[in-house]
Amino acid sequence: MTNTNSSVPQAREALNKFKYEVANEIGVPLKQGYNGDLTSAQAGYVGGYMVKKMIEAQERQMAGN
């Protein structure tokens, strides 16, 4: 999960940082480098939670908050 591709290269570092923050928040032991010891459920949970938080932030922005 260390390869964070982005259509905006400047966002890569921010997304990577966000990924580790989310993993920490939900208790998934994500680390720099190899993460093959994570289950697919754990990895999917990190990605899914990231998407959820990004959608919530966009909704708040669209609502003017």
PDB file of N, CA and C in Angstrom:
ATOM      1  N   MET A   1       0.802  -1.196   0.000  1.00  0.00           N
ATOM      2  CA  MET A   1       0.000   0.000   0.000  1.00  0.00           C
ATOM      3  C   MET A   1       0.844   1.259   0.000  1.00  0.00           C
ATOM      4  N   THR A   2       2.104   1.149  -0.269  1.00  0.00           N
ATOM      5  CA  THR A   2       2.939   2.341  -0.241  1.00  0.00           C
ATOM      6  C   THR A   2       2.901   3.110  -1.550  1.00  0.00           C
ATOM      7  N   ASN A   3       2.405   2.520  -2.631  1.00  0.00           N
ATOM      8  CA  ASN A   3       2.362   3.203  -3.912  1.00  0.00           C
ATOM      9  C   ASN A   3       1.052   3.955  -4.037  1.00  0.00           C
ATOM     10  N   THR A   4       1.088   5.252  -3.804  1.00  0.00           N
ATOM     11  CA  THR A   4      -0.106   6.086  -3.899  1.00  0.00           C
ATOM     12  C   THR A   4      -0.038   6.863  -5.198  1.00  0.00           C
ATOM     13  N   ASN A   5      -0.711   6.362  -6.232  1.00  0.00           N
ATOM     14  CA  ASN A   5      -0.726   7.056  -7.514  1.00  0.00           C
ATOM     15  C   ASN A   5      -1.726   8.192  -7.461  1.00  0.00           C
ATOM     16  N   SER A   6      -1.412   9.244  -8.157  1.00  0.00           N
ATOM     17  CA  SER A   6      -2.287  10.401  -8.153  1.00  0.00           C
ATOM     18  C   SER A   6      -2.179  11.099  -9.494  1.00  0.00           C
ATOM     19  N   SER A   7      -3.298  11.604  -9.987  1.00  0.00           N
ATOM     20  CA  SER A   7      -3.256  12.359 -11.229  1.00  0.00           C
ATOM     21  C   SER A   7      -2.654  13.745 -11.000  1.00  0.00           C
ATOM     22  N   VAL A   8      -2.518  14.143  -9.736  1.00  0.00           N
ATOM     23  CA  VAL A   8      -1.878  15.405  -9.369  1.00  0.00           C
ATOM     24  C   VAL A   8      -0.647  15.052  -8.530  1.00  0.00           C
ATOM     25  N   PRO A   9       0.536  15.044  -9.147  1.00  0.00           N
ATOM     26  CA  PRO A   9       1.736  14.601  -8.425  1.00  0.00           C
ATOM     27  C   PRO A   9       1.978  15.324  -7.108  1.00  0.00           C
ATOM     28  N   GLN A  10       1.604  16.601  -7.019  1.00  0.00           N
ATOM     29  CA  GLN A  10       1.814  17.353  -5.794  1.00  0.00           C
ATOM     30  C   GLN A  10       0.952  16.808  -4.650  1.00  0.00           C
ATOM     31  N   ALA A  11      -0.105  16.106  -4.964  1.00  0.00           N
ATOM     32  CA  ALA A  11      -1.004  15.571  -3.933  1.00  0.00           C
ATOM     33  C   ALA A  11      -0.508  14.240  -3.376  1.00  0.00           C
ATOM     34  N   ARG A  12       0.464  13.628  -4.014  1.00  0.00           N
ATOM     35  CA  ARG A  12       0.931  12.299  -3.613  1.00  0.00           C
ATOM     36  C   ARG A  12       1.361  12.251  -2.150  1.00  0.00           C
ATOM     37  N   GLU A  13       2.175  13.206  -1.719  1.00  0.00           N
ATOM     38  CA  GLU A  13       2.664  13.220  -0.342  1.00  0.00           C
ATOM     39  C   GLU A  13       1.515  13.413   0.649  1.00  0.00           C
ATOM     40  N   ALA A  14       0.591  14.307   0.321  1.00  0.00           N
ATOM     41  CA  ALA A  14      -0.549  14.551   1.204  1.00  0.00           C
ATOM     42  C   ALA A  14      -1.430  13.309   1.318  1.00  0.00           C
ATOM     43  N   LEU A  15      -1.662  12.624   0.200  1.00  0.00           N
ATOM     44  CA  LEU A  15      -2.474  11.404   0.237  1.00  0.00           C
ATOM     45  C   LEU A  15      -1.774  10.297   1.020  1.00  0.00           C
ATOM     46  N   ASN A  16      -0.485  10.199   0.871  1.00  0.00           N
ATOM     47  CA  ASN A  16       0.272   9.188   1.608  1.00  0.00           C
ATOM     48  C   ASN A  16       0.187   9.452   3.112  1.00  0.00           C
ATOM     49  N   LYS A  17       0.343  10.713   3.502  1.00  0.00           N
ATOM     50  CA  LYS A  17       0.233  11.083   4.913  1.00  0.00           C
ATOM     51  C   LYS A  17      -1.170  10.783   5.427  1.00  0.00           C
ATOM     52  N   PHE A  18      -2.168  11.125   4.630  1.00  0.00           N
ATOM     53  CA  PHE A  18      -3.567  10.878   4.985  1.00  0.00           C
ATOM     54  C   PHE A  18      -3.808   9.383   5.194  1.00  0.00           C
ATOM     55  N   LYS A  19      -3.225   8.558   4.336  1.00  0.00           N
ATOM     56  CA  LYS A  19      -3.383   7.106   4.437  1.00  0.00           C
ATOM     57  C   LYS A  19      -2.878   6.603   5.784  1.00  0.00           C
ATOM     58  N   TYR A  20      -1.719   7.080   6.213  1.00  0.00           N
ATOM     59  CA  TYR A  20      -1.161   6.635   7.494  1.00  0.00           C
ATOM     60  C   TYR A  20      -1.969   7.176   8.674  1.00  0.00           C
ATOM     61  N   GLU A  21      -2.493   8.391   8.547  1.00  0.00           N
ATOM     62  CA  GLU A  21      -3.343   8.949   9.599  1.00  0.00           C
ATOM     63  C   GLU A  21      -4.614   8.121   9.759  1.00  0.00           C
ATOM     64  N   VAL A  22      -5.229   7.762   8.632  1.00  0.00           N
ATOM     65  CA  VAL A  22      -6.454   6.961   8.667  1.00  0.00           C
ATOM     66  C   VAL A  22      -6.163   5.586   9.256  1.00  0.00           C
ATOM     67  N   ALA A  23      -5.092   4.952   8.812  1.00  0.00           N
ATOM     68  CA  ALA A  23      -4.740   3.628   9.331  1.00  0.00           C
ATOM     69  C   ALA A  23      -4.545   3.676  10.843  1.00  0.00           C
ATOM     70  N   ASN A  24      -3.869   4.688  11.319  1.00  0.00           N
ATOM     71  CA  ASN A  24      -3.661   4.848  12.757  1.00  0.00           C
ATOM     72  C   ASN A  24      -4.987   5.053  13.475  1.00  0.00           C
ATOM     73  N   GLU A  25      -5.842   5.882  12.883  1.00  0.00           N
ATOM     74  CA  GLU A  25      -7.144   6.192  13.488  1.00  0.00           C
ATOM     75  C   GLU A  25      -8.025   4.953  13.641  1.00  0.00           C
ATOM     76  N   ILE A  26      -7.964   4.050  12.675  1.00  0.00           N
ATOM     77  CA  ILE A  26      -8.819   2.859  12.728  1.00  0.00           C
ATOM     78  C   ILE A  26      -8.102   1.627  13.267  1.00  0.00           C
ATOM     79  N   GLY A  27      -6.853   1.796  13.673  1.00  0.00           N
ATOM     80  CA  GLY A  27      -6.128   0.715  14.326  1.00  0.00           C
ATOM     81  C   GLY A  27      -5.515  -0.323  13.406  1.00  0.00           C
ATOM     82  N   VAL A  28      -5.257   0.047  12.158  1.00  0.00           N
ATOM     83  CA  VAL A  28      -4.603  -0.865  11.218  1.00  0.00           C
ATOM     84  C   VAL A  28      -3.103  -0.596  11.271  1.00  0.00           C
ATOM     85  N   PRO A  29      -2.293  -1.635  11.515  1.00  0.00           N
ATOM     86  CA  PRO A  29      -0.845  -1.445  11.687  1.00  0.00           C
ATOM     87  C   PRO A  29      -0.091  -1.233  10.370  1.00  0.00           C
ATOM     88  N   LEU A  30      -0.419  -0.179   9.653  1.00  0.00           N
ATOM     89  CA  LEU A  30       0.227   0.153   8.387  1.00  0.00           C
ATOM     90  C   LEU A  30       1.592   0.752   8.683  1.00  0.00           C
ATOM     91  N   LYS A  31       2.585   0.342   7.926  1.00  0.00           N
ATOM     92  CA  LYS A  31       3.935   0.857   8.132  1.00  0.00           C
ATOM     93  C   LYS A  31       4.566   1.195   6.791  1.00  0.00           C
ATOM     94  N   GLN A  32       5.636   1.958   6.827  1.00  0.00           N
ATOM     95  CA  GLN A  32       6.381   2.278   5.618  1.00  0.00           C
ATOM     96  C   GLN A  32       6.946   0.988   5.045  1.00  0.00           C
ATOM     97  N   GLY A  33       6.952   0.866   3.735  1.00  0.00           N
ATOM     98  CA  GLY A  33       7.518  -0.312   3.096  1.00  0.00           C
ATOM     99  C   GLY A  33       6.509  -1.432   2.940  1.00  0.00           C
ATOM    100  N   TYR A  34       6.981  -2.642   3.120  1.00  0.00           N
ATOM    101  CA  TYR A  34       6.185  -3.844   2.879  1.00  0.00           C
ATOM    102  C   TYR A  34       5.067  -4.005   3.902  1.00  0.00           C
ATOM    103  N   ASN A  35       3.854  -4.242   3.421  1.00  0.00           N
ATOM    104  CA  ASN A  35       2.701  -4.444   4.285  1.00  0.00           C
ATOM    105  C   ASN A  35       1.958  -5.723   3.917  1.00  0.00           C
ATOM    106  N   GLY A  36       2.682  -6.713   3.425  1.00  0.00           N
ATOM    107  CA  GLY A  36       2.080  -7.973   3.021  1.00  0.00           C
ATOM    108  C   GLY A  36       1.488  -8.756   4.164  1.00  0.00           C
ATOM    109  N   ASP A  37       1.790  -8.366   5.394  1.00  0.00           N
ATOM    110  CA  ASP A  37       1.231  -9.052   6.544  1.00  0.00           C
ATOM    111  C   ASP A  37      -0.178  -8.569   6.877  1.00  0.00           C
ATOM    112  N   LEU A  38      -0.645  -7.502   6.215  1.00  0.00           N
ATOM    113  CA  LEU A  38      -2.008  -7.029   6.431  1.00  0.00           C
ATOM    114  C   LEU A  38      -2.972  -7.918   5.659  1.00  0.00           C
ATOM    115  N   THR A  39      -4.154  -8.085   6.208  1.00  0.00           N
ATOM    116  CA  THR A  39      -5.172  -8.823   5.474  1.00  0.00           C
ATOM    117  C   THR A  39      -5.758  -7.909   4.403  1.00  0.00           C
ATOM    118  N   SER A  40      -6.395  -8.523   3.417  1.00  0.00           N
ATOM    119  CA  SER A  40      -7.031  -7.698   2.394  1.00  0.00           C
ATOM    120  C   SER A  40      -8.159  -6.877   3.009  1.00  0.00           C
ATOM    121  N   ALA A  41      -8.800  -7.398   4.042  1.00  0.00           N
ATOM    122  CA  ALA A  41      -9.854  -6.653   4.728  1.00  0.00           C
ATOM    123  C   ALA A  41      -9.285  -5.395   5.386  1.00  0.00           C
ATOM    124  N   GLN A  42      -8.121  -5.513   6.025  1.00  0.00           N
ATOM    125  CA  GLN A  42      -7.498  -4.350   6.661  1.00  0.00           C
ATOM    126  C   GLN A  42      -7.121  -3.304   5.617  1.00  0.00           C
ATOM    127  N   ALA A  43      -6.497  -3.748   4.540  1.00  0.00           N
ATOM    128  CA  ALA A  43      -6.083  -2.820   3.488  1.00  0.00           C
ATOM    129  C   ALA A  43      -7.301  -2.147   2.860  1.00  0.00           C
ATOM    130  N   GLY A  44      -8.347  -2.924   2.614  1.00  0.00           N
ATOM    131  CA  GLY A  44      -9.569  -2.373   2.041  1.00  0.00           C
ATOM    132  C   GLY A  44     -10.251  -1.397   2.973  1.00  0.00           C
ATOM    133  N   TYR A  45     -10.186  -1.672   4.258  1.00  0.00           N
ATOM    134  CA  TYR A  45     -10.801  -0.793   5.243  1.00  0.00           C
ATOM    135  C   TYR A  45     -10.121   0.572   5.244  1.00  0.00           C
ATOM    136  N   VAL A  46      -8.790   0.563   5.133  1.00  0.00           N
ATOM    137  CA  VAL A  46      -8.054   1.835   5.080  1.00  0.00           C
ATOM    138  C   VAL A  46      -8.498   2.633   3.854  1.00  0.00           C
ATOM    139  N   GLY A  47      -8.504   1.998   2.692  1.00  0.00           N
ATOM    140  CA  GLY A  47      -8.905   2.690   1.465  1.00  0.00           C
ATOM    141  C   GLY A  47     -10.341   3.166   1.511  1.00  0.00           C
ATOM    142  N   GLY A  48     -11.227   2.320   1.993  1.00  0.00           N
ATOM    143  CA  GLY A  48     -12.635   2.689   2.074  1.00  0.00           C
ATOM    144  C   GLY A  48     -12.868   3.844   3.027  1.00  0.00           C
ATOM    145  N   TYR A  49     -12.167   3.829   4.151  1.00  0.00           N
ATOM    146  CA  TYR A  49     -12.330   4.902   5.129  1.00  0.00           C
ATOM    147  C   TYR A  49     -11.760   6.210   4.597  1.00  0.00           C
ATOM    148  N   MET A  50     -10.677   6.116   3.826  1.00  0.00           N
ATOM    149  CA  MET A  50     -10.115   7.317   3.198  1.00  0.00           C
ATOM    150  C   MET A  50     -11.153   7.947   2.269  1.00  0.00           C
ATOM    151  N   VAL A  51     -11.788   7.119   1.449  1.00  0.00           N
ATOM    152  CA  VAL A  51     -12.791   7.618   0.515  1.00  0.00           C
ATOM    153  C   VAL A  51     -13.950   8.254   1.279  1.00  0.00           C
ATOM    154  N   LYS A  52     -14.405   7.591   2.334  1.00  0.00           N
ATOM    155  CA  LYS A  52     -15.505   8.128   3.132  1.00  0.00           C
ATOM    156  C   LYS A  52     -15.161   9.517   3.674  1.00  0.00           C
ATOM    157  N   LYS A  53     -13.950   9.655   4.224  1.00  0.00           N
ATOM    158  CA  LYS A  53     -13.546  10.940   4.798  1.00  0.00           C
ATOM    159  C   LYS A  53     -13.393  12.015   3.716  1.00  0.00           C
ATOM    160  N   MET A  54     -12.903  11.632   2.534  1.00  0.00           N
ATOM    161  CA  MET A  54     -12.769  12.601   1.444  1.00  0.00           C
ATOM    162  C   MET A  54     -14.134  13.064   0.951  1.00  0.00           C
ATOM    163  N   ILE A  55     -15.093  12.145   0.866  1.00  0.00           N
ATOM    164  CA  ILE A  55     -16.443  12.518   0.442  1.00  0.00           C
ATOM    165  C   ILE A  55     -17.075  13.449   1.470  1.00  0.00           C
ATOM    166  N   GLU A  56     -16.918  13.139   2.752  1.00  0.00           N
ATOM    167  CA  GLU A  56     -17.464  13.995   3.787  1.00  0.00           C
ATOM    168  C   GLU A  56     -16.863  15.399   3.722  1.00  0.00           C
ATOM    169  N   ALA A  57     -15.568  15.485   3.494  1.00  0.00           N
ATOM    170  CA  ALA A  57     -14.911  16.804   3.385  1.00  0.00           C
ATOM    171  C   ALA A  57     -15.430  17.573   2.185  1.00  0.00           C
ATOM    172  N   GLN A  58     -15.625  16.894   1.071  1.00  0.00           N
ATOM    173  CA  GLN A  58     -16.154  17.555  -0.132  1.00  0.00           C
ATOM    174  C   GLN A  58     -17.589  18.007   0.083  1.00  0.00           C
ATOM    175  N   GLU A  59     -18.386  17.205   0.746  1.00  0.00           N
ATOM    176  CA  GLU A  59     -19.759  17.602   1.037  1.00  0.00           C
ATOM    177  C   GLU A  59     -19.807  18.840   1.918  1.00  0.00           C
ATOM    178  N   ARG A  60     -18.923  18.886   2.927  1.00  0.00           N
ATOM    179  CA  ARG A  60     -18.861  20.072   3.801  1.00  0.00           C
ATOM    180  C   ARG A  60     -18.455  21.296   2.987  1.00  0.00           C
ATOM    181  N   GLN A  61     -17.493  21.132   2.088  1.00  0.00           N
ATOM    182  CA  GLN A  61     -17.043  22.247   1.264  1.00  0.00           C
ATOM    183  C   GLN A  61     -18.168  22.722   0.348  1.00  0.00           C
ATOM    184  N   MET A  62     -18.903  21.792  -0.237  1.00  0.00           N
ATOM    185  CA  MET A  62     -19.992  22.153  -1.137  1.00  0.00           C
ATOM    186  C   MET A  62     -21.134  22.836  -0.392  1.00  0.00           C
ATOM    187  N   ALA A  63     -21.294  22.477   0.878  1.00  0.00           N
ATOM    188  CA  ALA A  63     -22.341  23.092   1.706  1.00  0.00           C
ATOM    189  C   ALA A  63     -21.907  24.444   2.242  1.00  0.00           C
ATOM    190  N   GLY A  64     -20.642  24.791   2.022  1.00  0.00           N
ATOM    191  CA  GLY A  64     -20.136  26.084   2.461  1.00  0.00           C
ATOM    192  C   GLY A  64     -19.643  26.112   3.880  1.00  0.00           C
ATOM    193  N   ASN A  65     -19.377  24.941   4.448  1.00  0.00           N
ATOM    194  CA  ASN A  65     -18.882  24.872   5.836  1.00  0.00           C
ATOM    195  C   ASN A  65     -17.387  24.736   5.857  1.00  0.00           C
TER     196      ASN A  65
END
